[in-house]
């Protein structure tokens, strides 16, 4: 992998990740851009104890542009985009409309490919491996920033999720605090260790393997299963068999096998609801240990993949119980979801 760091016309950082070591990236962004001005601030909720990012400048962000005006496509035929070069493998840049910025964190866009019309599931294993390398490298770089407490790499796919750009891409958030969901995991992890003397993540994976009903696929280095108390209609958690706290700690064997496993899961998701159905909307989210949390080595890196579509043509809405009290009600039994995801395996 070759990494090339440059800047856009307004000073934002742009990083190219290329498979070929001899790739040269010297295109200059010619756009007359003003410096990015953000109003992001973090406010603490005194009742819940969690944090909310207030980012009013995002109201003006790009919204569903036509394909020939996509800001994530390469710059070609006289049209200049966020990517100055006329082609790329993987590109990462600072978001022009960040939810978090400066002392309040950092937001980056990850362009998985220069091909506007493909999805992550359509990438080759070599392309998916390069995206994993980019996620890992960005995690390592952001870990060096003193204001960043935790890094979250994720992809939103589909208009139903709220995606505003059709180009295949994801995002990376560098939070200045430990997120509420991770705080809950850390508390559960500590309580489990105190009660049993064992690691919670190890026990969860061991339980799913021993039960078997919710296992979707397993390989030498990865295990994917629908969790016992799944919140979403179709939800899969992917764990490396060797527990590590974050992407930086994955060994070469797990990295080599990841593209095959992850691409298979994404392709199964697109087959859940049968032929002729539109692509399945999903969120794919890496859960990594906070950088400076006590006991971070006990945390188990894993990826959570889920869809808000509960059946053909119907979405799972977060209504009163979910939105008002954070108590989820799932219409699809986890065992049935796992069975369906095994049925649609690639031949």
C-alpha atoms as a PDB file:
ATOM      1  CA  UNK A   1       0.000   0.000   0.000  1.00  0.00           C
ATOM      2  CA  UNK A   2       1.203   3.497  -0.830  1.00  0.00           C
ATOM      3  CA  UNK A   3      -0.066   6.461   1.177  1.00  0.00           C
ATOM      4  CA  UNK A   4       0.031   9.990  -0.248  1.00  0.00           C
ATOM      5  CA  UNK A   5      -0.939  12.952   1.935  1.00  0.00           C
ATOM      6  CA  UNK A   6      -1.903  16.271   0.377  1.00  0.00           C
ATOM      7  CA  UNK A   7      -4.353  19.126   0.955  1.00  0.00           C
ATOM      8  CA  UNK A   8      -7.420  20.488  -0.777  1.00  0.00           C
ATOM      9  CA  UNK A   9      -7.799  24.132  -1.804  1.00  0.00           C
ATOM     10  CA  UNK A  10      -9.313  25.132   1.538  1.00  0.00           C
ATOM     11  CA  UNK A  11      -6.593  23.419   3.579  1.00  0.00           C
ATOM     12  CA  UNK A  12      -8.434  20.218   4.439  1.00  0.00           C
ATOM     13  CA  UNK A  13      -6.318  17.065   4.473  1.00  0.00           C
ATOM     14  CA  UNK A  14      -6.684  14.512   1.657  1.00  0.00           C
ATOM     15  CA  UNK A  15      -5.036  11.082   1.753  1.00  0.00           C
ATOM     16  CA  UNK A  16      -4.773   8.656  -1.154  1.00  0.00           C
ATOM     17  CA  UNK A  17      -4.313   4.932  -0.497  1.00  0.00           C
ATOM     18  CA  UNK A  18      -3.078   3.005  -3.534  1.00  0.00           C
ATOM     19  CA  UNK A  19      -2.410  -0.669  -4.100  1.00  0.00           C
ATOM     20  CA  UNK A  20       0.545   0.054  -6.411  1.00  0.00           C
ATOM     21  CA  UNK A  21       3.679   1.369  -4.722  1.00  0.00           C
ATOM     22  CA  UNK A  22       4.739   3.359  -7.786  1.00  0.00           C
ATOM     23  CA  UNK A  23       1.519   5.412  -8.017  1.00  0.00           C
ATOM     24  CA  UNK A  24       2.136   9.167  -8.238  1.00  0.00           C
ATOM     25  CA  UNK A  25      -0.484  11.579  -6.867  1.00  0.00           C
ATOM     26  CA  UNK A  26       0.397  15.180  -7.716  1.00  0.00           C
ATOM     27  CA  UNK A  27      -2.901  16.671  -8.923  1.00  0.00           C
ATOM     28  CA  UNK A  28      -3.690  20.059  -7.366  1.00  0.00           C
ATOM     29  CA  UNK A  29      -7.162  21.158  -6.290  1.00  0.00           C
ATOM     30  CA  UNK A  30      -7.869  24.274  -8.415  1.00  0.00           C
ATOM     31  CA  UNK A  31     -11.204  25.214  -6.870  1.00  0.00           C
ATOM     32  CA  UNK A  32     -11.516  28.718  -5.331  1.00  0.00           C
ATOM     33  CA  UNK A  33     -12.689  27.439  -1.954  1.00  0.00           C
ATOM     34  CA  UNK A  34     -13.009  29.533   1.171  1.00  0.00           C
ATOM     35  CA  UNK A  35     -11.621  28.132   4.391  1.00  0.00           C
ATOM     36  CA  UNK A  36     -14.045  25.773   6.135  1.00  0.00           C
ATOM     37  CA  UNK A  37     -16.003  27.510   8.868  1.00  0.00           C
ATOM     38  CA  UNK A  38     -17.766  25.313  11.410  1.00  0.00           C
ATOM     39  CA  UNK A  39     -19.929  25.972  14.443  1.00  0.00           C
ATOM     40  CA  UNK A  40     -19.609  22.534  16.001  1.00  0.00           C
ATOM     41  CA  UNK A  41     -19.788  22.353  19.777  1.00  0.00           C
ATOM     42  CA  UNK A  42     -20.315  19.566  22.293  1.00  0.00           C
ATOM     43  CA  UNK A  43     -23.029  19.975  24.913  1.00  0.00           C
ATOM     44  CA  UNK A  44     -23.523  17.665  27.875  1.00  0.00           C
ATOM     45  CA  UNK A  45     -27.031  16.469  28.764  1.00  0.00           C
ATOM     46  CA  UNK A  46     -27.316  16.903  32.558  1.00  0.00           C
ATOM     47  CA  UNK A  47     -30.053  14.255  32.913  1.00  0.00           C
ATOM     48  CA  UNK A  48     -28.593  11.447  30.790  1.00  0.00           C
ATOM     49  CA  UNK A  49     -24.937  12.356  31.159  1.00  0.00           C
ATOM     50  CA  UNK A  50     -24.267  11.929  27.450  1.00  0.00           C
ATOM     51  CA  UNK A  51     -22.971  14.397  24.870  1.00  0.00           C
ATOM     52  CA  UNK A  52     -24.676  15.990  21.857  1.00  0.00           C
ATOM     53  CA  UNK A  53     -22.862  17.627  18.938  1.00  0.00           C
ATOM     54  CA  UNK A  54     -24.525  20.865  17.848  1.00  0.00           C
ATOM     55  CA  UNK A  55     -23.540  21.526  14.217  1.00  0.00           C
ATOM     56  CA  UNK A  56     -25.891  24.004  12.526  1.00  0.00           C
ATOM     57  CA  UNK A  57     -23.519  24.538   9.572  1.00  0.00           C
ATOM     58  CA  UNK A  58     -24.434  21.050   8.302  1.00  0.00           C
ATOM     59  CA  UNK A  59     -27.831  22.303   7.140  1.00  0.00           C
ATOM     60  CA  UNK A  60     -26.163  23.475   3.938  1.00  0.00           C
ATOM     61  CA  UNK A  61     -24.346  20.231   3.077  1.00  0.00           C
ATOM     62  CA  UNK A  62     -24.589  18.645  -0.363  1.00  0.00           C
ATOM     63  CA  UNK A  63     -27.862  16.735  -0.770  1.00  0.00           C
ATOM     64  CA  UNK A  64     -28.522  14.074  -3.415  1.00  0.00           C
ATOM     65  CA  UNK A  65     -26.651  15.679  -6.321  1.00  0.00           C
ATOM     66  CA  UNK A  66     -27.027  14.123  -9.787  1.00  0.00           C
ATOM     67  CA  UNK A  67     -24.384  11.520 -10.640  1.00  0.00           C
ATOM     68  CA  UNK A  68     -22.546  13.889 -12.996  1.00  0.00           C
ATOM     69  CA  UNK A  69     -22.083  16.364 -10.106  1.00  0.00           C
ATOM     70  CA  UNK A  70     -21.022  13.866  -7.460  1.00  0.00           C
ATOM     71  CA  UNK A  71     -18.352  15.437  -5.189  1.00  0.00           C
ATOM     72  CA  UNK A  72     -16.803  12.025  -4.449  1.00  0.00           C
ATOM     73  CA  UNK A  73     -16.104  11.028  -8.037  1.00  0.00           C
ATOM     74  CA  UNK A  74     -12.664  11.802  -9.506  1.00  0.00           C
ATOM     75  CA  UNK A  75     -12.101  15.149 -11.218  1.00  0.00           C
ATOM     76  CA  UNK A  76     -12.584  14.574 -14.932  1.00  0.00           C
ATOM     77  CA  UNK A  77     -13.547  16.362 -18.141  1.00  0.00           C
ATOM     78  CA  UNK A  78     -13.113  19.831 -16.632  1.00  0.00           C
ATOM     79  CA  UNK A  79     -15.325  19.125 -13.586  1.00  0.00           C
ATOM     80  CA  UNK A  80     -13.545  19.435 -10.237  1.00  0.00           C
ATOM     81  CA  UNK A  81     -14.611  17.398  -7.206  1.00  0.00           C
ATOM     82  CA  UNK A  82     -13.301  16.742  -3.714  1.00  0.00           C
ATOM     83  CA  UNK A  83     -10.799  14.337  -5.322  1.00  0.00           C
ATOM     84  CA  UNK A  84      -8.415  16.326  -7.588  1.00  0.00           C
ATOM     85  CA  UNK A  85      -7.002  13.260  -9.357  1.00  0.00           C
ATOM     86  CA  UNK A  86      -8.767  11.691 -12.350  1.00  0.00           C
ATOM     87  CA  UNK A  87      -8.821   8.241 -10.699  1.00  0.00           C
ATOM     88  CA  UNK A  88      -8.113   6.697  -7.306  1.00  0.00           C
ATOM     89  CA  UNK A  89      -8.201   3.445  -5.347  1.00  0.00           C
ATOM     90  CA  UNK A  90      -9.236   4.686  -1.873  1.00  0.00           C
ATOM     91  CA  UNK A  91      -9.331   8.331  -0.824  1.00  0.00           C
ATOM     92  CA  UNK A  92      -9.907   9.846   2.622  1.00  0.00           C
ATOM     93  CA  UNK A  93     -10.458  13.544   3.293  1.00  0.00           C
ATOM     94  CA  UNK A  94     -11.675  15.841   6.027  1.00  0.00           C
ATOM     95  CA  UNK A  95     -15.407  16.389   5.757  1.00  0.00           C
ATOM     96  CA  UNK A  96     -16.352  19.822   4.432  1.00  0.00           C
ATOM     97  CA  UNK A  97     -19.462  19.755   6.639  1.00  0.00           C
ATOM     98  CA  UNK A  98     -18.204  18.024   9.801  1.00  0.00           C
ATOM     99  CA  UNK A  99     -20.327  17.166  12.810  1.00  0.00           C
ATOM    100  CA  UNK A 100     -17.144  17.344  14.891  1.00  0.00           C
ATOM    101  CA  UNK A 101     -14.209  19.678  14.272  1.00  0.00           C
ATOM    102  CA  UNK A 102     -11.199  21.194  16.018  1.00  0.00           C
ATOM    103  CA  UNK A 103     -11.206  20.607  19.761  1.00  0.00           C
ATOM    104  CA  UNK A 104     -14.637  18.979  19.316  1.00  0.00           C
ATOM    105  CA  UNK A 105     -13.221  16.114  17.264  1.00  0.00           C
ATOM    106  CA  UNK A 106     -12.763  15.260  13.604  1.00  0.00           C
ATOM    107  CA  UNK A 107     -14.883  13.864  10.757  1.00  0.00           C
ATOM    108  CA  UNK A 108     -13.493  12.232   7.631  1.00  0.00           C
ATOM    109  CA  UNK A 109     -15.014  10.799   4.448  1.00  0.00           C
ATOM    110  CA  UNK A 110     -13.715   7.470   3.110  1.00  0.00           C
ATOM    111  CA  UNK A 111     -14.279   6.900  -0.611  1.00  0.00           C
ATOM    112  CA  UNK A 112     -14.078   3.139  -1.175  1.00  0.00           C
ATOM    113  CA  UNK A 113     -13.603   3.325  -4.938  1.00  0.00           C
ATOM    114  CA  UNK A 114     -13.697   5.822  -7.800  1.00  0.00           C
ATOM    115  CA  UNK A 115     -16.547   3.823  -9.406  1.00  0.00           C
ATOM    116  CA  UNK A 116     -19.759   5.722  -8.659  1.00  0.00           C
ATOM    117  CA  UNK A 117     -22.084   2.829  -9.487  1.00  0.00           C
ATOM    118  CA  UNK A 118     -20.646  -0.001  -7.391  1.00  0.00           C
ATOM    119  CA  UNK A 119     -21.366  -0.817  -3.748  1.00  0.00           C
ATOM    120  CA  UNK A 120     -18.959  -2.157  -1.161  1.00  0.00           C
ATOM    121  CA  UNK A 121     -20.351  -5.632  -1.852  1.00  0.00           C
ATOM    122  CA  UNK A 122     -19.227  -5.211  -5.458  1.00  0.00           C
ATOM    123  CA  UNK A 123     -15.588  -4.572  -4.570  1.00  0.00           C
ATOM    124  CA  UNK A 124     -12.893  -7.163  -5.150  1.00  0.00           C
ATOM    125  CA  UNK A 125     -11.136  -8.744  -2.187  1.00  0.00           C
ATOM    126  CA  UNK A 126      -8.054  -6.654  -3.023  1.00  0.00           C
ATOM    127  CA  UNK A 127     -10.107  -3.450  -2.922  1.00  0.00           C
ATOM    128  CA  UNK A 128     -11.773  -4.423   0.367  1.00  0.00           C
ATOM    129  CA  UNK A 129      -8.350  -5.196   1.865  1.00  0.00           C
ATOM    130  CA  UNK A 130      -7.185  -1.696   0.929  1.00  0.00           C
ATOM    131  CA  UNK A 131     -10.211  -0.154   2.662  1.00  0.00           C
ATOM    132  CA  UNK A 132      -9.365  -2.166   5.791  1.00  0.00           C
ATOM    133  CA  UNK A 133      -5.792  -0.856   5.573  1.00  0.00           C
ATOM    134  CA  UNK A 134      -7.110   2.709   5.278  1.00  0.00           C
ATOM    135  CA  UNK A 135      -9.423   2.281   8.296  1.00  0.00           C
ATOM    136  CA  UNK A 136      -6.493   0.928  10.285  1.00  0.00           C
ATOM    137  CA  UNK A 137      -4.118   3.690   9.223  1.00  0.00           C
ATOM    138  CA  UNK A 138      -6.620   6.424  10.019  1.00  0.00           C
ATOM    139  CA  UNK A 139      -7.253   4.868  13.444  1.00  0.00           C
ATOM    140  CA  UNK A 140      -3.511   4.945  14.098  1.00  0.00           C
ATOM    141  CA  UNK A 141      -3.120   8.558  12.939  1.00  0.00           C
ATOM    142  CA  UNK A 142      -6.136   9.859  14.849  1.00  0.00           C
ATOM    143  CA  UNK A 143      -4.922   8.100  17.990  1.00  0.00           C
ATOM    144  CA  UNK A 144      -2.036  10.568  18.000  1.00  0.00           C
ATOM    145  CA  UNK A 145      -4.348  13.602  18.285  1.00  0.00           C
ATOM    146  CA  UNK A 146      -4.762  14.595  21.954  1.00  0.00           C
ATOM    147  CA  UNK A 147      -8.379  15.705  21.497  1.00  0.00           C
ATOM    148  CA  UNK A 148      -9.506  12.330  20.110  1.00  0.00           C
ATOM    149  CA  UNK A 149     -10.702   9.752  22.651  1.00  0.00           C
ATOM    150  CA  UNK A 150     -12.275   7.188  20.320  1.00  0.00           C
ATOM    151  CA  UNK A 151     -12.399   6.436  16.585  1.00  0.00           C
ATOM    152  CA  UNK A 152     -15.526   5.168  14.849  1.00  0.00           C
ATOM    153  CA  UNK A 153     -15.296   3.839  11.275  1.00  0.00           C
ATOM    154  CA  UNK A 154     -18.693   3.237   9.681  1.00  0.00           C
ATOM    155  CA  UNK A 155     -20.740   3.086   6.491  1.00  0.00           C
ATOM    156  CA  UNK A 156     -24.346   4.149   5.961  1.00  0.00           C
ATOM    157  CA  UNK A 157     -25.809   2.572   2.800  1.00  0.00           C
ATOM    158  CA  UNK A 158     -29.170   3.509   1.313  1.00  0.00           C
ATOM    159  CA  UNK A 159     -31.529   6.461   1.173  1.00  0.00           C
ATOM    160  CA  UNK A 160     -33.640   4.835   3.906  1.00  0.00           C
ATOM    161  CA  UNK A 161     -30.697   5.273   6.270  1.00  0.00           C
ATOM    162  CA  UNK A 162     -30.432   8.957   5.367  1.00  0.00           C
ATOM    163  CA  UNK A 163     -27.495   8.815   2.957  1.00  0.00           C
ATOM    164  CA  UNK A 164     -27.239  12.034   0.929  1.00  0.00           C
ATOM    165  CA  UNK A 165     -24.492  10.979  -1.516  1.00  0.00           C
ATOM    166  CA  UNK A 166     -24.883   7.913  -3.706  1.00  0.00           C
ATOM    167  CA  UNK A 167     -21.170   7.290  -4.252  1.00  0.00           C
ATOM    168  CA  UNK A 168     -19.872   4.281  -2.259  1.00  0.00           C
ATOM    169  CA  UNK A 169     -18.315   5.794   0.817  1.00  0.00           C
ATOM    170  CA  UNK A 170     -18.144   5.664   4.580  1.00  0.00           C
ATOM    171  CA  UNK A 171     -17.083   7.975   7.350  1.00  0.00           C
ATOM    172  CA  UNK A 172     -14.703   8.126  10.280  1.00  0.00           C
ATOM    173  CA  UNK A 173     -15.571  10.074  13.416  1.00  0.00           C
ATOM    174  CA  UNK A 174     -12.919  10.962  15.950  1.00  0.00           C
ATOM    175  CA  UNK A 175     -14.882  11.686  19.122  1.00  0.00           C
ATOM    176  CA  UNK A 176     -13.451  13.893  21.917  1.00  0.00           C
ATOM    177  CA  UNK A 177     -15.252  11.667  24.436  1.00  0.00           C
ATOM    178  CA  UNK A 178     -16.113   7.996  24.903  1.00  0.00           C
ATOM    179  CA  UNK A 179     -19.480   7.361  23.261  1.00  0.00           C
ATOM    180  CA  UNK A 180     -22.465   6.292  25.402  1.00  0.00           C
ATOM    181  CA  UNK A 181     -22.745   2.905  23.667  1.00  0.00           C
ATOM    182  CA  UNK A 182     -19.101   2.157  24.325  1.00  0.00           C
ATOM    183  CA  UNK A 183     -19.437   3.318  27.938  1.00  0.00           C
ATOM    184  CA  UNK A 184     -22.200   0.731  28.399  1.00  0.00           C
ATOM    185  CA  UNK A 185     -19.988  -2.001  26.935  1.00  0.00           C
ATOM    186  CA  UNK A 186     -17.101  -1.017  29.202  1.00  0.00           C
ATOM    187  CA  UNK A 187     -19.344  -1.116  32.277  1.00  0.00           C
ATOM    188  CA  UNK A 188     -20.740  -4.507  31.288  1.00  0.00           C
ATOM    189  CA  UNK A 189     -17.212  -5.751  30.632  1.00  0.00           C
ATOM    190  CA  UNK A 190     -16.011  -4.628  34.058  1.00  0.00           C
ATOM    191  CA  UNK A 191     -19.023  -6.108  35.843  1.00  0.00           C
ATOM    192  CA  UNK A 192     -18.604  -9.434  34.046  1.00  0.00           C
ATOM    193  CA  UNK A 193     -14.908  -9.585  34.981  1.00  0.00           C
ATOM    194  CA  UNK A 194     -15.734  -8.817  38.622  1.00  0.00           C
ATOM    195  CA  UNK A 195     -18.475 -11.465  38.727  1.00  0.00           C
ATOM    196  CA  UNK A 196     -16.852 -14.295  36.764  1.00  0.00           C
ATOM    197  CA  UNK A 197     -13.167 -13.501  36.431  1.00  0.00           C
ATOM    198  CA  UNK A 198     -13.504 -13.885  32.670  1.00  0.00           C
ATOM    199  CA  UNK A 199     -13.630 -11.591  29.657  1.00  0.00           C
ATOM    200  CA  UNK A 200     -17.136 -10.645  28.492  1.00  0.00           C
ATOM    201  CA  UNK A 201     -16.343 -10.556  24.763  1.00  0.00           C
ATOM    202  CA  UNK A 202     -14.676 -13.967  24.898  1.00  0.00           C
ATOM    203  CA  UNK A 203     -17.667 -15.428  26.710  1.00  0.00           C
ATOM    204  CA  UNK A 204     -20.183 -13.920  24.272  1.00  0.00           C
ATOM    205  CA  UNK A 205     -18.386 -15.425  21.279  1.00  0.00           C
ATOM    206  CA  UNK A 206     -17.945 -18.785  23.056  1.00  0.00           C
ATOM    207  CA  UNK A 207     -21.650 -18.873  23.932  1.00  0.00           C
ATOM    208  CA  UNK A 208     -22.705 -18.247  20.347  1.00  0.00           C
ATOM    209  CA  UNK A 209     -20.341 -20.899  19.013  1.00  0.00           C
ATOM    210  CA  UNK A 210     -21.533 -23.420  21.592  1.00  0.00           C
ATOM    211  CA  UNK A 211     -25.219 -22.703  20.883  1.00  0.00           C
ATOM    212  CA  UNK A 212     -24.806 -22.523  17.111  1.00  0.00           C
ATOM    213  CA  UNK A 213     -28.360 -21.450  16.249  1.00  0.00           C
ATOM    214  CA  UNK A 214     -27.394 -17.847  15.637  1.00  0.00           C
ATOM    215  CA  UNK A 215     -24.023 -18.407  13.929  1.00  0.00           C
ATOM    216  CA  UNK A 216     -24.116 -17.080  10.371  1.00  0.00           C
ATOM    217  CA  UNK A 217     -20.623 -18.082   9.271  1.00  0.00           C
ATOM    218  CA  UNK A 218     -17.300 -18.975  10.829  1.00  0.00           C
ATOM    219  CA  UNK A 219     -13.818 -19.201   9.403  1.00  0.00           C
ATOM    220  CA  UNK A 220     -10.382 -19.836  10.827  1.00  0.00           C
ATOM    221  CA  UNK A 221     -10.003 -16.241  12.030  1.00  0.00           C
ATOM    222  CA  UNK A 222     -13.527 -14.727  12.165  1.00  0.00           C
ATOM    223  CA  UNK A 223     -16.954 -15.531  13.617  1.00  0.00           C
ATOM    224  CA  UNK A 224     -20.212 -13.871  12.514  1.00  0.00           C
ATOM    225  CA  UNK A 225     -23.470 -14.321  14.413  1.00  0.00           C
ATOM    226  CA  UNK A 226     -26.826 -12.717  15.098  1.00  0.00           C
ATOM    227  CA  UNK A 227     -26.658 -11.622  18.764  1.00  0.00           C
ATOM    228  CA  UNK A 228     -28.933 -13.303  21.307  1.00  0.00           C
ATOM    229  CA  UNK A 229     -30.714 -10.003  22.061  1.00  0.00           C
ATOM    230  CA  UNK A 230     -30.539  -8.449  18.580  1.00  0.00           C
ATOM    231  CA  UNK A 231     -32.007  -4.950  18.434  1.00  0.00           C
ATOM    232  CA  UNK A 232     -32.541  -4.877  14.668  1.00  0.00           C
ATOM    233  CA  UNK A 233     -34.504  -7.180  12.321  1.00  0.00           C
ATOM    234  CA  UNK A 234     -31.326  -8.467  10.662  1.00  0.00           C
ATOM    235  CA  UNK A 235     -28.190  -7.775  12.673  1.00  0.00           C
ATOM    236  CA  UNK A 236     -24.817  -9.527  12.520  1.00  0.00           C
ATOM    237  CA  UNK A 237     -21.813  -9.097  14.776  1.00  0.00           C
ATOM    238  CA  UNK A 238     -18.436 -10.023  13.309  1.00  0.00           C
ATOM    239  CA  UNK A 239     -15.604 -10.811  15.764  1.00  0.00           C
ATOM    240  CA  UNK A 240     -12.013 -11.868  15.178  1.00  0.00           C
ATOM    241  CA  UNK A 241     -11.367 -15.162  16.947  1.00  0.00           C
ATOM    242  CA  UNK A 242      -8.283 -13.626  18.560  1.00  0.00           C
ATOM    243  CA  UNK A 243      -9.664 -10.776  20.648  1.00  0.00           C
ATOM    244  CA  UNK A 244      -7.977  -7.410  20.065  1.00  0.00           C
ATOM    245  CA  UNK A 245      -8.967  -3.897  21.256  1.00  0.00           C
ATOM    246  CA  UNK A 246      -8.854  -2.123  17.891  1.00  0.00           C
ATOM    247  CA  UNK A 247      -8.032  -2.429  14.196  1.00  0.00           C
ATOM    248  CA  UNK A 248      -4.337  -1.748  14.767  1.00  0.00           C
ATOM    249  CA  UNK A 249      -3.968  -5.021  16.659  1.00  0.00           C
ATOM    250  CA  UNK A 250      -5.370  -7.402  14.017  1.00  0.00           C
ATOM    251  CA  UNK A 251      -2.748  -9.902  12.887  1.00  0.00           C
ATOM    252  CA  UNK A 252      -1.878 -10.579   9.258  1.00  0.00           C
ATOM    253  CA  UNK A 253      -3.945 -13.763   9.092  1.00  0.00           C
ATOM    254  CA  UNK A 254      -7.130 -11.994  10.216  1.00  0.00           C
ATOM    255  CA  UNK A 255      -6.466  -9.113   7.811  1.00  0.00           C
ATOM    256  CA  UNK A 256      -5.979 -11.501   4.914  1.00  0.00           C
ATOM    257  CA  UNK A 257      -9.210 -13.357   5.621  1.00  0.00           C
ATOM    258  CA  UNK A 258     -11.377 -10.314   6.411  1.00  0.00           C
ATOM    259  CA  UNK A 259     -12.257  -9.252   2.827  1.00  0.00           C
ATOM    260  CA  UNK A 260     -13.630 -12.684   1.950  1.00  0.00           C
ATOM    261  CA  UNK A 261     -15.751 -12.824   5.113  1.00  0.00           C
ATOM    262  CA  UNK A 262     -17.031  -9.261   5.024  1.00  0.00           C
ATOM    263  CA  UNK A 263     -17.900  -9.263   1.325  1.00  0.00           C
ATOM    264  CA  UNK A 264     -19.823 -12.504   1.804  1.00  0.00           C
ATOM    265  CA  UNK A 265     -21.849 -10.952   4.647  1.00  0.00           C
ATOM    266  CA  UNK A 266     -22.693  -7.866   2.580  1.00  0.00           C
ATOM    267  CA  UNK A 267     -23.752  -9.975  -0.384  1.00  0.00           C
ATOM    268  CA  UNK A 268     -25.973 -12.084   1.834  1.00  0.00           C
ATOM    269  CA  UNK A 269     -27.601  -8.917   3.158  1.00  0.00           C
ATOM    270  CA  UNK A 270     -28.547  -7.978  -0.402  1.00  0.00           C
ATOM    271  CA  UNK A 271     -30.227 -11.385  -0.830  1.00  0.00           C
ATOM    272  CA  UNK A 272     -32.221 -11.453   2.417  1.00  0.00           C
ATOM    273  CA  UNK A 273     -35.505 -10.284   0.907  1.00  0.00           C
ATOM    274  CA  UNK A 274     -35.338 -12.244  -2.318  1.00  0.00           C
ATOM    275  CA  UNK A 275     -34.692 -11.529  -6.004  1.00  0.00           C
ATOM    276  CA  UNK A 276     -36.009  -8.302  -7.464  1.00  0.00           C
ATOM    277  CA  UNK A 277     -35.762  -6.418  -4.185  1.00  0.00           C
ATOM    278  CA  UNK A 278     -33.771  -3.152  -4.075  1.00  0.00           C
ATOM    279  CA  UNK A 279     -30.372  -3.217  -2.341  1.00  0.00           C
ATOM    280  CA  UNK A 280     -30.699  -3.686   1.394  1.00  0.00           C
ATOM    281  CA  UNK A 281     -30.065  -0.469   3.365  1.00  0.00           C
ATOM    282  CA  UNK A 282     -27.621  -1.022   6.174  1.00  0.00           C
ATOM    283  CA  UNK A 283     -25.276   0.468   8.727  1.00  0.00           C
ATOM    284  CA  UNK A 284     -21.878  -1.155   9.186  1.00  0.00           C
ATOM    285  CA  UNK A 285     -20.059  -0.022  12.320  1.00  0.00           C
ATOM    286  CA  UNK A 286     -16.647  -0.868  13.775  1.00  0.00           C
ATOM    287  CA  UNK A 287     -16.557  -0.843  17.578  1.00  0.00           C
ATOM    288  CA  UNK A 288     -13.063  -0.107  18.850  1.00  0.00           C
ATOM    289  CA  UNK A 289     -11.681   0.451  22.330  1.00  0.00           C
ATOM    290  CA  UNK A 290     -11.245   4.086  23.399  1.00  0.00           C
ATOM    291  CA  UNK A 291      -7.581   5.041  23.350  1.00  0.00           C
ATOM    292  CA  UNK A 292      -7.153   5.968  26.998  1.00  0.00           C
ATOM    293  CA  UNK A 293      -9.912   4.023  28.757  1.00  0.00           C
ATOM    294  CA  UNK A 294      -8.932   1.911  31.794  1.00  0.00           C
ATOM    295  CA  UNK A 295      -8.759  -1.755  30.848  1.00  0.00           C
ATOM    296  CA  UNK A 296      -8.910  -1.050  27.091  1.00  0.00           C
ATOM    297  CA  UNK A 297      -6.992  -4.275  26.397  1.00  0.00           C
ATOM    298  CA  UNK A 298     -10.050  -6.165  27.680  1.00  0.00           C
ATOM    299  CA  UNK A 299     -12.255  -4.650  24.960  1.00  0.00           C
ATOM    300  CA  UNK A 300     -13.160  -6.776  21.960  1.00  0.00           C
ATOM    301  CA  UNK A 301     -12.969  -5.153  18.523  1.00  0.00           C
ATOM    302  CA  UNK A 302     -15.982  -6.157  16.443  1.00  0.00           C
ATOM    303  CA  UNK A 303     -18.098  -4.989  13.544  1.00  0.00           C
ATOM    304  CA  UNK A 304     -21.881  -4.624  13.805  1.00  0.00           C
ATOM    305  CA  UNK A 305     -23.848  -4.845  10.555  1.00  0.00           C
ATOM    306  CA  UNK A 306     -27.595  -4.266  10.574  1.00  0.00           C
ATOM    307  CA  UNK A 307     -30.515  -3.167   8.431  1.00  0.00           C
ATOM    308  CA  UNK A 308     -33.620  -1.157   9.277  1.00  0.00           C
ATOM    309  CA  UNK A 309     -35.656  -3.136   6.708  1.00  0.00           C
ATOM    310  CA  UNK A 310     -37.712  -5.727   8.574  1.00  0.00           C
ATOM    311  CA  UNK A 311     -39.426  -7.330   5.587  1.00  0.00           C
ATOM    312  CA  UNK A 312     -40.022  -6.602   1.924  1.00  0.00           C
ATOM    313  CA  UNK A 313     -41.116  -2.962   1.518  1.00  0.00           C
ATOM    314  CA  UNK A 314     -41.299  -2.304   5.278  1.00  0.00           C
ATOM    315  CA  UNK A 315     -38.862  -0.512   7.558  1.00  0.00           C
ATOM    316  CA  UNK A 316     -38.209  -0.800  11.271  1.00  0.00           C
ATOM    317  CA  UNK A 317     -39.002   2.640  12.672  1.00  0.00           C
ATOM    318  CA  UNK A 318     -37.704   3.784  16.039  1.00  0.00           C
ATOM    319  CA  UNK A 319     -41.058   4.690  17.529  1.00  0.00           C
ATOM    320  CA  UNK A 320     -42.216   5.382  21.078  1.00  0.00           C
ATOM    321  CA  UNK A 321     -40.464   2.623  23.020  1.00  0.00           C
ATOM    322  CA  UNK A 322     -37.211   2.794  21.091  1.00  0.00           C
ATOM    323  CA  UNK A 323     -36.922   6.559  20.722  1.00  0.00           C
ATOM    324  CA  UNK A 324     -38.585   7.558  23.982  1.00  0.00           C
ATOM    325  CA  UNK A 325     -37.160   4.935  26.357  1.00  0.00           C
ATOM    326  CA  UNK A 326     -34.378   3.217  24.371  1.00  0.00           C
ATOM    327  CA  UNK A 327     -36.136  -0.153  24.729  1.00  0.00           C
ATOM    328  CA  UNK A 328     -36.030  -1.990  21.412  1.00  0.00           C
ATOM    329  CA  UNK A 329     -38.782  -4.307  20.174  1.00  0.00           C
ATOM    330  CA  UNK A 330     -37.616  -6.702  17.451  1.00  0.00           C
ATOM    331  CA  UNK A 331     -40.177  -8.358  15.147  1.00  0.00           C
ATOM    332  CA  UNK A 332     -37.688 -10.920  13.781  1.00  0.00           C
ATOM    333  CA  UNK A 333     -36.406 -13.619  16.180  1.00  0.00           C
ATOM    334  CA  UNK A 334     -32.596 -13.696  16.072  1.00  0.00           C
ATOM    335  CA  UNK A 335     -32.621 -17.432  15.342  1.00  0.00           C
ATOM    336  CA  UNK A 336     -34.885 -16.871  12.311  1.00  0.00           C
ATOM    337  CA  UNK A 337     -32.673 -14.041  11.085  1.00  0.00           C
ATOM    338  CA  UNK A 338     -29.582 -16.250  11.362  1.00  0.00           C
ATOM    339  CA  UNK A 339     -31.312 -19.073   9.514  1.00  0.00           C
ATOM    340  CA  UNK A 340     -32.240 -16.724   6.663  1.00  0.00           C
ATOM    341  CA  UNK A 341     -28.677 -15.408   6.451  1.00  0.00           C
ATOM    342  CA  UNK A 342     -27.387 -18.984   6.200  1.00  0.00           C
ATOM    343  CA  UNK A 343     -29.931 -19.777   3.487  1.00  0.00           C
ATOM    344  CA  UNK A 344     -28.700 -16.972   1.233  1.00  0.00           C
ATOM    345  CA  UNK A 345     -25.030 -17.961   1.382  1.00  0.00           C
ATOM    346  CA  UNK A 346     -23.068 -17.761  -1.834  1.00  0.00           C
ATOM    347  CA  UNK A 347     -22.980 -21.091  -3.652  1.00  0.00           C
END
